[in-house]
mmCIF file of all heavy atoms, coordinates in Angstrom:
data_MODEL
# 
_entry.id   MODEL 
# 
loop_
_atom_site.group_PDB 
_atom_site.id 
_atom_site.type_symbol 
_atom_site.label_atom_id 
_atom_site.label_alt_id 
_atom_site.label_comp_id 
_atom_site.label_asym_id 
_atom_site.label_entity_id 
_atom_site.label_seq_id 
_atom_site.pdbx_PDB_ins_code 
_atom_site.Cartn_x 
_atom_site.Cartn_y 
_atom_site.Cartn_z 
_atom_site.occupancy 
_atom_site.B_iso_or_equiv 
_atom_site.pdbx_formal_charge 
_atom_site.auth_seq_id 
_atom_site.auth_comp_id 
_atom_site.auth_asym_id 
_atom_site.auth_atom_id 
_atom_site.pdbx_PDB_model_num 
ATOM 1   N N   . SER A 1 1  ? 148.364 147.094 191.863 1.00 0.00 ? 1  SER A N   1 
ATOM 2   C CA  . SER A 1 1  ? 149.494 147.458 191.014 1.00 0.00 ? 1  SER A CA  1 
ATOM 3   C C   . SER A 1 1  ? 150.772 146.927 191.648 1.00 0.00 ? 1  SER A C   1 
ATOM 4   O O   . SER A 1 1  ? 150.791 146.545 192.816 1.00 0.00 ? 1  SER A O   1 
ATOM 5   C CB  . SER A 1 1  ? 149.582 148.972 190.824 1.00 0.00 ? 1  SER A CB  1 
ATOM 6   O OG  . SER A 1 1  ? 149.867 149.597 192.061 1.00 0.00 ? 1  SER A OG  1 
ATOM 7   N N   . ALA A 1 2  ? 151.826 146.915 190.848 1.00 0.00 ? 2  ALA A N   1 
ATOM 8   C CA  . ALA A 1 2  ? 153.116 146.421 191.319 1.00 0.00 ? 2  ALA A CA  1 
ATOM 9   C C   . ALA A 1 2  ? 154.222 147.290 190.747 1.00 0.00 ? 2  ALA A C   1 
ATOM 10  O O   . ALA A 1 2  ? 154.048 147.933 189.706 1.00 0.00 ? 2  ALA A O   1 
ATOM 11  C CB  . ALA A 1 2  ? 153.323 144.968 190.894 1.00 0.00 ? 2  ALA A CB  1 
ATOM 12  N N   . ASP A 1 3  ? 155.344 147.305 191.433 1.00 0.00 ? 3  ASP A N   1 
ATOM 13  C CA  . ASP A 1 3  ? 156.540 147.996 190.956 1.00 0.00 ? 3  ASP A CA  1 
ATOM 14  C C   . ASP A 1 3  ? 157.589 146.960 190.602 1.00 0.00 ? 3  ASP A C   1 
ATOM 15  O O   . ASP A 1 3  ? 157.797 146.001 191.349 1.00 0.00 ? 3  ASP A O   1 
ATOM 16  C CB  . ASP A 1 3  ? 157.128 148.918 192.029 1.00 0.00 ? 3  ASP A CB  1 
ATOM 17  C CG  . ASP A 1 3  ? 156.298 150.160 192.270 1.00 0.00 ? 3  ASP A CG  1 
ATOM 18  O OD1 . ASP A 1 3  ? 155.582 150.589 191.342 1.00 0.00 ? 3  ASP A OD1 1 
ATOM 19  O OD2 . ASP A 1 3  ? 156.375 150.710 193.377 1.00 0.00 ? 3  ASP A OD2 1 
ATOM 20  N N   . ILE A 1 4  ? 158.252 147.180 189.482 1.00 0.00 ? 4  ILE A N   1 
ATOM 21  C CA  . ILE A 1 4  ? 159.359 146.318 189.078 1.00 0.00 ? 4  ILE A CA  1 
ATOM 22  C C   . ILE A 1 4  ? 160.628 147.093 189.395 1.00 0.00 ? 4  ILE A C   1 
ATOM 23  O O   . ILE A 1 4  ? 160.931 148.081 188.737 1.00 0.00 ? 4  ILE A O   1 
ATOM 24  C CB  . ILE A 1 4  ? 159.292 145.966 187.579 1.00 0.00 ? 4  ILE A CB  1 
ATOM 25  C CG1 . ILE A 1 4  ? 157.942 145.334 187.245 1.00 0.00 ? 4  ILE A CG1 1 
ATOM 26  C CG2 . ILE A 1 4  ? 160.444 145.036 187.205 1.00 0.00 ? 4  ILE A CG2 1 
ATOM 27  C CD1 . ILE A 1 4  ? 157.640 145.279 185.764 1.00 0.00 ? 4  ILE A CD1 1 
ATOM 28  N N   . GLY A 1 5  ? 161.325 146.658 190.417 1.00 0.00 ? 5  GLY A N   1 
ATOM 29  C CA  . GLY A 1 5  ? 162.510 147.377 190.847 1.00 0.00 ? 5  GLY A CA  1 
ATOM 30  C C   . GLY A 1 5  ? 163.699 147.104 189.943 1.00 0.00 ? 5  GLY A C   1 
ATOM 31  O O   . GLY A 1 5  ? 163.920 145.970 189.537 1.00 0.00 ? 5  GLY A O   1 
ATOM 32  N N   . TRP A 1 6  ? 164.452 148.140 189.623 1.00 0.00 ? 6  TRP A N   1 
ATOM 33  C CA  . TRP A 1 6  ? 165.676 148.024 188.837 1.00 0.00 ? 6  TRP A CA  1 
ATOM 34  C C   . TRP A 1 6  ? 165.426 147.257 187.536 1.00 0.00 ? 6  TRP A C   1 
ATOM 35  O O   . TRP A 1 6  ? 166.122 146.307 187.212 1.00 0.00 ? 6  TRP A O   1 
ATOM 36  C CB  . TRP A 1 6  ? 166.783 147.372 189.651 1.00 0.00 ? 6  TRP A CB  1 
ATOM 37  C CG  . TRP A 1 6  ? 167.022 148.088 190.932 1.00 0.00 ? 6  TRP A CG  1 
ATOM 38  C CD1 . TRP A 1 6  ? 166.576 147.701 192.170 1.00 0.00 ? 6  TRP A CD1 1 
ATOM 39  C CD2 . TRP A 1 6  ? 167.700 149.312 191.129 1.00 0.00 ? 6  TRP A CD2 1 
ATOM 40  N NE1 . TRP A 1 6  ? 166.957 148.617 193.120 1.00 0.00 ? 6  TRP A NE1 1 
ATOM 41  C CE2 . TRP A 1 6  ? 167.664 149.625 192.504 1.00 0.00 ? 6  TRP A CE2 1 
ATOM 42  C CE3 . TRP A 1 6  ? 168.351 150.193 190.279 1.00 0.00 ? 6  TRP A CE3 1 
ATOM 43  C CZ2 . TRP A 1 6  ? 168.239 150.756 193.038 1.00 0.00 ? 6  TRP A CZ2 1 
ATOM 44  C CZ3 . TRP A 1 6  ? 168.923 151.327 190.820 1.00 0.00 ? 6  TRP A CZ3 1 
ATOM 45  C CH2 . TRP A 1 6  ? 168.871 151.602 192.181 1.00 0.00 ? 6  TRP A CH2 1 
ATOM 46  N N   . ALA A 1 7  ? 164.392 147.655 186.819 1.00 0.00 ? 7  ALA A N   1 
ATOM 47  C CA  . ALA A 1 7  ? 163.955 146.945 185.623 1.00 0.00 ? 7  ALA A CA  1 
ATOM 48  C C   . ALA A 1 7  ? 164.929 147.101 184.463 1.00 0.00 ? 7  ALA A C   1 
ATOM 49  O O   . ALA A 1 7  ? 165.430 148.178 184.194 1.00 0.00 ? 7  ALA A O   1 
ATOM 50  C CB  . ALA A 1 7  ? 162.583 147.433 185.191 1.00 0.00 ? 7  ALA A CB  1 
ATOM 51  N N   . GLY A 1 8  ? 165.151 146.024 183.800 1.00 0.00 ? 8  GLY A N   1 
ATOM 52  C CA  . GLY A 1 8  ? 165.948 146.032 182.582 1.00 0.00 ? 8  GLY A CA  1 
ATOM 53  C C   . GLY A 1 8  ? 165.956 144.623 182.012 1.00 0.00 ? 8  GLY A C   1 
ATOM 54  O O   . GLY A 1 8  ? 165.982 143.676 182.777 1.00 0.00 ? 8  GLY A O   1 
ATOM 55  N N   . PRO A 1 9  ? 165.857 144.414 180.755 1.00 0.00 ? 9  PRO A N   1 
ATOM 56  C CA  . PRO A 1 9  ? 165.669 145.450 179.737 1.00 0.00 ? 9  PRO A CA  1 
ATOM 57  C C   . PRO A 1 9  ? 164.240 145.989 179.756 1.00 0.00 ? 9  PRO A C   1 
ATOM 58  O O   . PRO A 1 9  ? 163.287 145.226 179.870 1.00 0.00 ? 9  PRO A O   1 
ATOM 59  C CB  . PRO A 1 9  ? 165.980 144.726 178.430 1.00 0.00 ? 9  PRO A CB  1 
ATOM 60  C CG  . PRO A 1 9  ? 165.688 143.291 178.710 1.00 0.00 ? 9  PRO A CG  1 
ATOM 61  C CD  . PRO A 1 9  ? 165.982 143.080 180.176 1.00 0.00 ? 9  PRO A CD  1 
ATOM 62  N N   . LEU A 1 10 ? 164.122 147.292 179.644 1.00 0.00 ? 10 LEU A N   1 
ATOM 63  C CA  . LEU A 1 10 ? 162.813 147.940 179.722 1.00 0.00 ? 10 LEU A CA  1 
ATOM 64  C C   . LEU A 1 10 ? 161.860 147.438 178.659 1.00 0.00 ? 10 LEU A C   1 
ATOM 65  O O   . LEU A 1 10 ? 160.663 147.315 178.899 1.00 0.00 ? 10 LEU A O   1 
ATOM 66  C CB  . LEU A 1 10 ? 162.978 149.460 179.610 1.00 0.00 ? 10 LEU A CB  1 
ATOM 67  C CG  . LEU A 1 10 ? 163.759 150.124 180.745 1.00 0.00 ? 10 LEU A CG  1 
ATOM 68  C CD1 . LEU A 1 10 ? 163.927 151.606 180.459 1.00 0.00 ? 10 LEU A CD1 1 
ATOM 69  C CD2 . LEU A 1 10 ? 163.075 149.900 182.073 1.00 0.00 ? 10 LEU A CD2 1 
ATOM 70  N N   . SER A 1 11 ? 162.364 147.138 177.470 1.00 0.00 ? 11 SER A N   1 
ATOM 71  C CA  . SER A 1 11 ? 161.495 146.683 176.381 1.00 0.00 ? 11 SER A CA  1 
ATOM 72  C C   . SER A 1 11 ? 160.778 145.392 176.741 1.00 0.00 ? 11 SER A C   1 
ATOM 73  O O   . SER A 1 11 ? 159.623 145.195 176.362 1.00 0.00 ? 11 SER A O   1 
ATOM 74  C CB  . SER A 1 11 ? 162.295 146.520 175.094 1.00 0.00 ? 11 SER A CB  1 
ATOM 75  O OG  . SER A 1 11 ? 163.329 145.559 175.274 1.00 0.00 ? 11 SER A OG  1 
ATOM 76  N N   . PHE A 1 12 ? 161.433 144.499 177.480 1.00 0.00 ? 12 PHE A N   1 
ATOM 77  C CA  . PHE A 1 12 ? 160.796 143.236 177.880 1.00 0.00 ? 12 PHE A CA  1 
ATOM 78  C C   . PHE A 1 12 ? 159.574 143.517 178.744 1.00 0.00 ? 12 PHE A C   1 
ATOM 79  O O   . PHE A 1 12 ? 158.488 142.993 178.499 1.00 0.00 ? 12 PHE A O   1 
ATOM 80  C CB  . PHE A 1 12 ? 161.790 142.349 178.649 1.00 0.00 ? 12 PHE A CB  1 
ATOM 81  C CG  . PHE A 1 12 ? 161.132 141.218 179.386 1.00 0.00 ? 12 PHE A CG  1 
ATOM 82  C CD1 . PHE A 1 12 ? 160.683 140.096 178.718 1.00 0.00 ? 12 PHE A CD1 1 
ATOM 83  C CD2 . PHE A 1 12 ? 160.949 141.282 180.758 1.00 0.00 ? 12 PHE A CD2 1 
ATOM 84  C CE1 . PHE A 1 12 ? 160.059 139.052 179.387 1.00 0.00 ? 12 PHE A CE1 1 
ATOM 85  C CE2 . PHE A 1 12 ? 160.332 140.244 181.443 1.00 0.00 ? 12 PHE A CE2 1 
ATOM 86  C CZ  . PHE A 1 12 ? 159.880 139.130 180.753 1.00 0.00 ? 12 PHE A CZ  1 
ATOM 87  N N   . PHE A 1 13 ? 159.711 144.351 179.757 1.00 0.00 ? 13 PHE A N   1 
ATOM 88  C CA  . PHE A 1 13 ? 158.604 144.625 180.676 1.00 0.00 ? 13 PHE A CA  1 
ATOM 89  C C   . PHE A 1 13 ? 157.497 145.422 179.997 1.00 0.00 ? 13 PHE A C   1 
ATOM 90  O O   . PHE A 1 13 ? 156.323 145.170 180.235 1.00 0.00 ? 13 PHE A O   1 
ATOM 91  C CB  . PHE A 1 13 ? 159.123 145.350 181.917 1.00 0.00 ? 13 PHE A CB  1 
ATOM 92  C CG  . PHE A 1 13 ? 160.021 144.486 182.751 1.00 0.00 ? 13 PHE A CG  1 
ATOM 93  C CD1 . PHE A 1 13 ? 161.394 144.625 182.688 1.00 0.00 ? 13 PHE A CD1 1 
ATOM 94  C CD2 . PHE A 1 13 ? 159.493 143.510 183.577 1.00 0.00 ? 13 PHE A CD2 1 
ATOM 95  C CE1 . PHE A 1 13 ? 162.227 143.823 183.438 1.00 0.00 ? 13 PHE A CE1 1 
ATOM 96  C CE2 . PHE A 1 13 ? 160.318 142.692 184.338 1.00 0.00 ? 13 PHE A CE2 1 
ATOM 97  C CZ  . PHE A 1 13 ? 161.688 142.846 184.273 1.00 0.00 ? 13 PHE A CZ  1 
ATOM 98  N N   . SER A 1 14 ? 157.871 146.344 179.136 1.00 0.00 ? 14 SER A N   1 
ATOM 99  C CA  . SER A 1 14 ? 156.885 147.128 178.405 1.00 0.00 ? 14 SER A CA  1 
ATOM 100 C C   . SER A 1 14 ? 156.066 146.242 177.471 1.00 0.00 ? 14 SER A C   1 
ATOM 101 O O   . SER A 1 14 ? 154.843 146.313 177.429 1.00 0.00 ? 14 SER A O   1 
ATOM 102 C CB  . SER A 1 14 ? 157.587 148.234 177.618 1.00 0.00 ? 14 SER A CB  1 
ATOM 103 O OG  . SER A 1 14 ? 156.669 148.929 176.831 1.00 0.00 ? 14 SER A OG  1 
ATOM 104 N N   . ARG A 1 15 ? 156.753 145.391 176.731 1.00 0.00 ? 15 ARG A N   1 
ATOM 105 C CA  . ARG A 1 15 ? 156.100 144.498 175.769 1.00 0.00 ? 15 ARG A CA  1 
ATOM 106 C C   . ARG A 1 15 ? 155.265 143.429 176.481 1.00 0.00 ? 15 ARG A C   1 
ATOM 107 O O   . ARG A 1 15 ? 154.156 143.102 176.051 1.00 0.00 ? 15 ARG A O   1 
ATOM 108 C CB  . ARG A 1 15 ? 157.175 143.855 174.903 1.00 0.00 ? 15 ARG A CB  1 
ATOM 109 C CG  . ARG A 1 15 ? 156.664 142.933 173.813 1.00 0.00 ? 15 ARG A CG  1 
ATOM 110 C CD  . ARG A 1 15 ? 157.808 142.337 172.980 1.00 0.00 ? 15 ARG A CD  1 
ATOM 111 N NE  . ARG A 1 15 ? 158.697 141.497 173.788 1.00 0.00 ? 15 ARG A NE  1 
ATOM 112 C CZ  . ARG A 1 15 ? 159.949 141.795 174.122 1.00 0.00 ? 15 ARG A CZ  1 
ATOM 113 N NH1 . ARG A 1 15 ? 160.512 142.917 173.712 1.00 0.00 ? 15 ARG A NH1 1 
ATOM 114 N NH2 . ARG A 1 15 ? 160.676 140.978 174.862 1.00 0.00 ? 15 ARG A NH2 1 
ATOM 115 N N   . THR A 1 16 ? 155.775 142.897 177.577 1.00 0.00 ? 16 THR A N   1 
ATOM 116 C CA  . THR A 1 16 ? 155.146 141.749 178.227 1.00 0.00 ? 16 THR A CA  1 
ATOM 117 C C   . THR A 1 16 ? 153.932 142.120 179.062 1.00 0.00 ? 16 THR A C   1 
ATOM 118 O O   . THR A 1 16 ? 152.908 141.439 178.997 1.00 0.00 ? 16 THR A O   1 
ATOM 119 C CB  . THR A 1 16 ? 156.179 141.018 179.102 1.00 0.00 ? 16 THR A CB  1 
ATOM 120 O OG1 . THR A 1 16 ? 157.294 140.656 178.276 1.00 0.00 ? 16 THR A OG1 1 
ATOM 121 C CG2 . THR A 1 16 ? 155.598 139.765 179.725 1.00 0.00 ? 16 THR A CG2 1 
ATOM 122 N N   . VAL A 1 17 ? 154.044 143.190 179.857 1.00 0.00 ? 17 VAL A N   1 
ATOM 123 C CA  . VAL A 1 17 ? 152.940 143.549 180.756 1.00 0.00 ? 17 VAL A CA  1 
ATOM 124 C C   . VAL A 1 17 ? 152.569 145.028 180.660 1.00 0.00 ? 17 VAL A C   1 
ATOM 125 O O   . VAL A 1 17 ? 151.921 145.572 181.556 1.00 0.00 ? 17 VAL A O   1 
ATOM 126 C CB  . VAL A 1 17 ? 153.248 143.156 182.224 1.00 0.00 ? 17 VAL A CB  1 
ATOM 127 C CG1 . VAL A 1 17 ? 153.318 141.648 182.361 1.00 0.00 ? 17 VAL A CG1 1 
ATOM 128 C CG2 . VAL A 1 17 ? 154.524 143.811 182.725 1.00 0.00 ? 17 VAL A CG2 1 
ATOM 129 N N   . HIS A 1 18 ? 152.996 145.681 179.576 1.00 0.00 ? 18 HIS A N   1 
ATOM 130 C CA  . HIS A 1 18 ? 152.685 147.090 179.346 1.00 0.00 ? 18 HIS A CA  1 
ATOM 131 C C   . HIS A 1 18 ? 153.138 147.972 180.502 1.00 0.00 ? 18 HIS A C   1 
ATOM 132 O O   . HIS A 1 18 ? 152.460 148.941 180.861 1.00 0.00 ? 18 HIS A O   1 
ATOM 133 C CB  . HIS A 1 18 ? 151.187 147.280 179.055 1.00 0.00 ? 18 HIS A CB  1 
ATOM 134 C CG  . HIS A 1 18 ? 150.693 146.404 177.959 1.00 0.00 ? 18 HIS A CG  1 
ATOM 135 N ND1 . HIS A 1 18 ? 151.049 146.588 176.639 1.00 0.00 ? 18 HIS A ND1 1 
ATOM 136 C CD2 . HIS A 1 18 ? 149.916 145.284 177.979 1.00 0.00 ? 18 HIS A CD2 1 
ATOM 137 C CE1 . HIS A 1 18 ? 150.490 145.649 175.901 1.00 0.00 ? 18 HIS A CE1 1 
ATOM 138 N NE2 . HIS A 1 18 ? 149.800 144.840 176.683 1.00 0.00 ? 18 HIS A NE2 1 
ATOM 139 N N   . ALA A 1 19 ? 154.272 147.641 181.088 1.00 0.00 ? 19 ALA A N   1 
ATOM 140 C CA  . ALA A 1 19 ? 154.825 148.425 182.190 1.00 0.00 ? 19 ALA A CA  1 
ATOM 141 C C   . ALA A 1 19 ? 155.330 149.769 181.669 1.00 0.00 ? 19 ALA A C   1 
ATOM 142 O O   . ALA A 1 19 ? 155.734 149.891 180.518 1.00 0.00 ? 19 ALA A O   1 
ATOM 143 C CB  . ALA A 1 19 ? 155.975 147.656 182.846 1.00 0.00 ? 19 ALA A CB  1 
ATOM 144 N N   . SER A 1 20 ? 155.286 150.749 182.532 1.00 0.00 ? 20 SER A N   1 
ATOM 145 C CA  . SER A 1 20 ? 155.816 152.068 182.187 1.00 0.00 ? 20 SER A CA  1 
ATOM 146 C C   . SER A 1 20 ? 156.735 152.540 183.313 1.00 0.00 ? 20 SER A C   1 
ATOM 147 O O   . SER A 1 20 ? 156.648 152.063 184.441 1.00 0.00 ? 20 SER A O   1 
ATOM 148 C CB  . SER A 1 20 ? 154.682 153.067 181.967 1.00 0.00 ? 20 SER A CB  1 
ATOM 149 O OG  . SER A 1 20 ? 153.920 153.207 183.153 1.00 0.00 ? 20 SER A OG  1 
ATOM 150 N N   . ILE A 1 21 ? 157.587 153.478 182.981 1.00 0.00 ? 21 ILE A N   1 
ATOM 151 C CA  . ILE A 1 21 ? 158.532 153.999 183.960 1.00 0.00 ? 21 ILE A CA  1 
ATOM 152 C C   . ILE A 1 21 ? 157.808 154.985 184.867 1.00 0.00 ? 21 ILE A C   1 
ATOM 153 O O   . ILE A 1 21 ? 157.185 155.937 184.392 1.00 0.00 ? 21 ILE A O   1 
ATOM 154 C CB  . ILE A 1 21 ? 159.721 154.685 183.255 1.00 0.00 ? 21 ILE A CB  1 
ATOM 155 C CG1 . ILE A 1 21 ? 160.484 153.661 182.412 1.00 0.00 ? 21 ILE A CG1 1 
ATOM 156 C CG2 . ILE A 1 21 ? 160.633 155.354 184.269 1.00 0.00 ? 21 ILE A CG2 1 
ATOM 157 C CD1 . ILE A 1 21 ? 161.550 154.262 181.531 1.00 0.00 ? 21 ILE A CD1 1 
ATOM 158 N N   . SER A 1 22 ? 157.900 154.728 186.157 1.00 0.00 ? 22 SER A N   1 
ATOM 159 C CA  . SER A 1 22 ? 157.254 155.635 187.103 1.00 0.00 ? 22 SER A CA  1 
ATOM 160 C C   . SER A 1 22 ? 158.275 156.544 187.784 1.00 0.00 ? 22 SER A C   1 
ATOM 161 O O   . SER A 1 22 ? 157.951 157.624 188.208 1.00 0.00 ? 22 SER A O   1 
ATOM 162 C CB  . SER A 1 22 ? 156.478 154.848 188.155 1.00 0.00 ? 22 SER A CB  1 
ATOM 163 O OG  . SER A 1 22 ? 157.347 154.040 188.910 1.00 0.00 ? 22 SER A OG  1 
ATOM 164 N N   . ARG A 1 23 ? 159.498 156.087 187.913 1.00 0.00 ? 23 ARG A N   1 
ATOM 165 C CA  . ARG A 1 23 ? 160.563 156.896 188.491 1.00 0.00 ? 23 ARG A CA  1 
ATOM 166 C C   . ARG A 1 23 ? 161.891 156.301 188.067 1.00 0.00 ? 23 ARG A C   1 
ATOM 167 O O   . ARG A 1 23 ? 161.980 155.129 187.726 1.00 0.00 ? 23 ARG A O   1 
ATOM 168 C CB  . ARG A 1 23 ? 160.461 156.970 190.009 1.00 0.00 ? 23 ARG A CB  1 
ATOM 169 C CG  . ARG A 1 23 ? 160.478 155.616 190.655 1.00 0.00 ? 23 ARG A CG  1 
ATOM 170 C CD  . ARG A 1 23 ? 160.180 155.698 192.124 1.00 0.00 ? 23 ARG A CD  1 
ATOM 171 N NE  . ARG A 1 23 ? 159.845 154.349 192.556 1.00 0.00 ? 23 ARG A NE  1 
ATOM 172 C CZ  . ARG A 1 23 ? 159.863 153.945 193.787 1.00 0.00 ? 23 ARG A CZ  1 
ATOM 173 N NH1 . ARG A 1 23 ? 160.184 154.779 194.732 1.00 0.00 ? 23 ARG A NH1 1 
ATOM 174 N NH2 . ARG A 1 23 ? 159.551 152.723 194.102 1.00 0.00 ? 23 ARG A NH2 1 
ATOM 175 N N   . ALA A 1 24 ? 162.898 157.121 188.092 1.00 0.00 ? 24 ALA A N   1 
ATOM 176 C CA  . ALA A 1 24 ? 164.227 156.669 187.709 1.00 0.00 ? 24 ALA A CA  1 
ATOM 177 C C   . ALA A 1 24 ? 165.236 157.179 188.730 1.00 0.00 ? 24 ALA A C   1 
ATOM 178 O O   . ALA A 1 24 ? 165.045 158.239 189.331 1.00 0.00 ? 24 ALA A O   1 
ATOM 179 C CB  . ALA A 1 24 ? 164.592 157.199 186.320 1.00 0.00 ? 24 ALA A CB  1 
ATOM 180 N N   . PHE A 1 25 ? 166.262 156.395 188.926 1.00 0.00 ? 25 PHE A N   1 
ATOM 181 C CA  . PHE A 1 25 ? 167.332 156.762 189.830 1.00 0.00 ? 25 PHE A CA  1 
ATOM 182 C C   . PHE A 1 25 ? 168.613 156.873 189.020 1.00 0.00 ? 25 PHE A C   1 
ATOM 183 O O   . PHE A 1 25 ? 168.914 156.016 188.212 1.00 0.00 ? 25 PHE A O   1 
ATOM 184 C CB  . PHE A 1 25 ? 167.518 155.691 190.917 1.00 0.00 ? 25 PHE A CB  1 
ATOM 185 C CG  . PHE A 1 25 ? 166.306 155.518 191.786 1.00 0.00 ? 25 PHE A CG  1 
ATOM 186 C CD1 . PHE A 1 25 ? 165.353 154.552 191.489 1.00 0.00 ? 25 PHE A CD1 1 
ATOM 187 C CD2 . PHE A 1 25 ? 166.112 156.322 192.897 1.00 0.00 ? 25 PHE A CD2 1 
ATOM 188 C CE1 . PHE A 1 25 ? 164.225 154.391 192.281 1.00 0.00 ? 25 PHE A CE1 1 
ATOM 189 C CE2 . PHE A 1 25 ? 164.993 156.168 193.698 1.00 0.00 ? 25 PHE A CE2 1 
ATOM 190 C CZ  . PHE A 1 25 ? 164.052 155.206 193.387 1.00 0.00 ? 25 PHE A CZ  1 
ATOM 191 N N   . TRP A 1 26 ? 169.340 157.915 189.248 1.00 0.00 ? 26 TRP A N   1 
ATOM 192 C CA  . TRP A 1 26 ? 170.610 158.123 188.576 1.00 0.00 ? 26 TRP A CA  1 
ATOM 193 C C   . TRP A 1 26 ? 171.710 157.944 189.601 1.00 0.00 ? 26 TRP A C   1 
ATOM 194 O O   . TRP A 1 26 ? 171.639 158.462 190.705 1.00 0.00 ? 26 TRP A O   1 
ATOM 195 C CB  . TRP A 1 26 ? 170.676 159.514 187.957 1.00 0.00 ? 26 TRP A CB  1 
ATOM 196 C CG  . TRP A 1 26 ? 169.653 159.700 186.888 1.00 0.00 ? 26 TRP A CG  1 
ATOM 197 C CD1 . TRP A 1 26 ? 168.405 160.229 187.014 1.00 0.00 ? 26 TRP A CD1 1 
ATOM 198 C CD2 . TRP A 1 26 ? 169.783 159.312 185.527 1.00 0.00 ? 26 TRP A CD2 1 
ATOM 199 N NE1 . TRP A 1 26 ? 167.747 160.191 185.817 1.00 0.00 ? 26 TRP A NE1 1 
ATOM 200 C CE2 . TRP A 1 26 ? 168.572 159.643 184.881 1.00 0.00 ? 26 TRP A CE2 1 
ATOM 201 C CE3 . TRP A 1 26 ? 170.796 158.724 184.787 1.00 0.00 ? 26 TRP A CE3 1 
ATOM 202 C CZ2 . TRP A 1 26 ? 168.362 159.398 183.535 1.00 0.00 ? 26 TRP A CZ2 1 
ATOM 203 C CZ3 . TRP A 1 26 ? 170.571 158.484 183.438 1.00 0.00 ? 26 TRP A CZ3 1 
ATOM 204 C CH2 . TRP A 1 26 ? 169.364 158.828 182.828 1.00 0.00 ? 26 TRP A CH2 1 
ATOM 205 N N   . CYS A 1 27 ? 172.714 157.214 189.227 1.00 0.00 ? 27 CYS A N   1 
ATOM 206 C CA  . CYS A 1 27 ? 173.870 157.007 190.102 1.00 0.00 ? 27 CYS A CA  1 
ATOM 207 C C   . CYS A 1 27 ? 175.010 157.894 189.615 1.00 0.00 ? 27 CYS A C   1 
ATOM 208 O O   . CYS A 1 27 ? 175.359 157.865 188.441 1.00 0.00 ? 27 CYS A O   1 
ATOM 209 C CB  . CYS A 1 27 ? 174.312 155.547 190.091 1.00 0.00 ? 27 CYS A CB  1 
ATOM 210 S SG  . CYS A 1 27 ? 173.077 154.437 190.748 1.00 0.00 ? 27 CYS A SG  1 
# 
Protein backbone atom coordinates (compact mmCIF):
# COMPACT_ATOMS: atom_id res chain seq x y z
CA SER A 1 0.00 0.00 0.00
CA ALA A 2 1.00 3.63 -0.35
CA ASP A 3 0.07 6.97 1.17
CA ILE A 4 -0.52 10.06 -0.93
CA GLY A 5 0.63 12.95 1.21
CA TRP A 6 -1.25 16.25 1.07
CA ALA A 7 -3.54 14.94 -1.66
CA GLY A 8 -5.57 17.28 -3.77
CA PRO A 9 -7.72 17.33 -5.74
CA LEU A 10 -9.17 14.34 -3.91
CA SER A 11 -11.46 13.45 -6.82
CA PHE A 12 -8.45 12.81 -9.08
CA PHE A 13 -6.89 10.27 -6.71
CA SER A 14 -10.21 8.64 -5.90
CA ARG A 15 -11.16 8.29 -9.56
CA THR A 16 -7.70 7.26 -10.77
CA VAL A 17 -6.58 4.70 -8.18
CA HIS A 18 -9.62 4.38 -5.89
CA ALA A 19 -7.75 6.13 -3.08
CA SER A 20 -9.57 6.89 0.14
CA ILE A 21 -8.89 9.29 2.97
CA SER A 22 -7.11 7.60 5.83
CA ARG A 23 -6.39 10.67 7.96
CA ALA A 24 -6.74 14.40 7.75
CA PHE A 25 -4.79 17.26 9.23
CA TRP A 26 -6.38 20.56 10.10
CA CYS A 27 -4.32 23.71 10.26
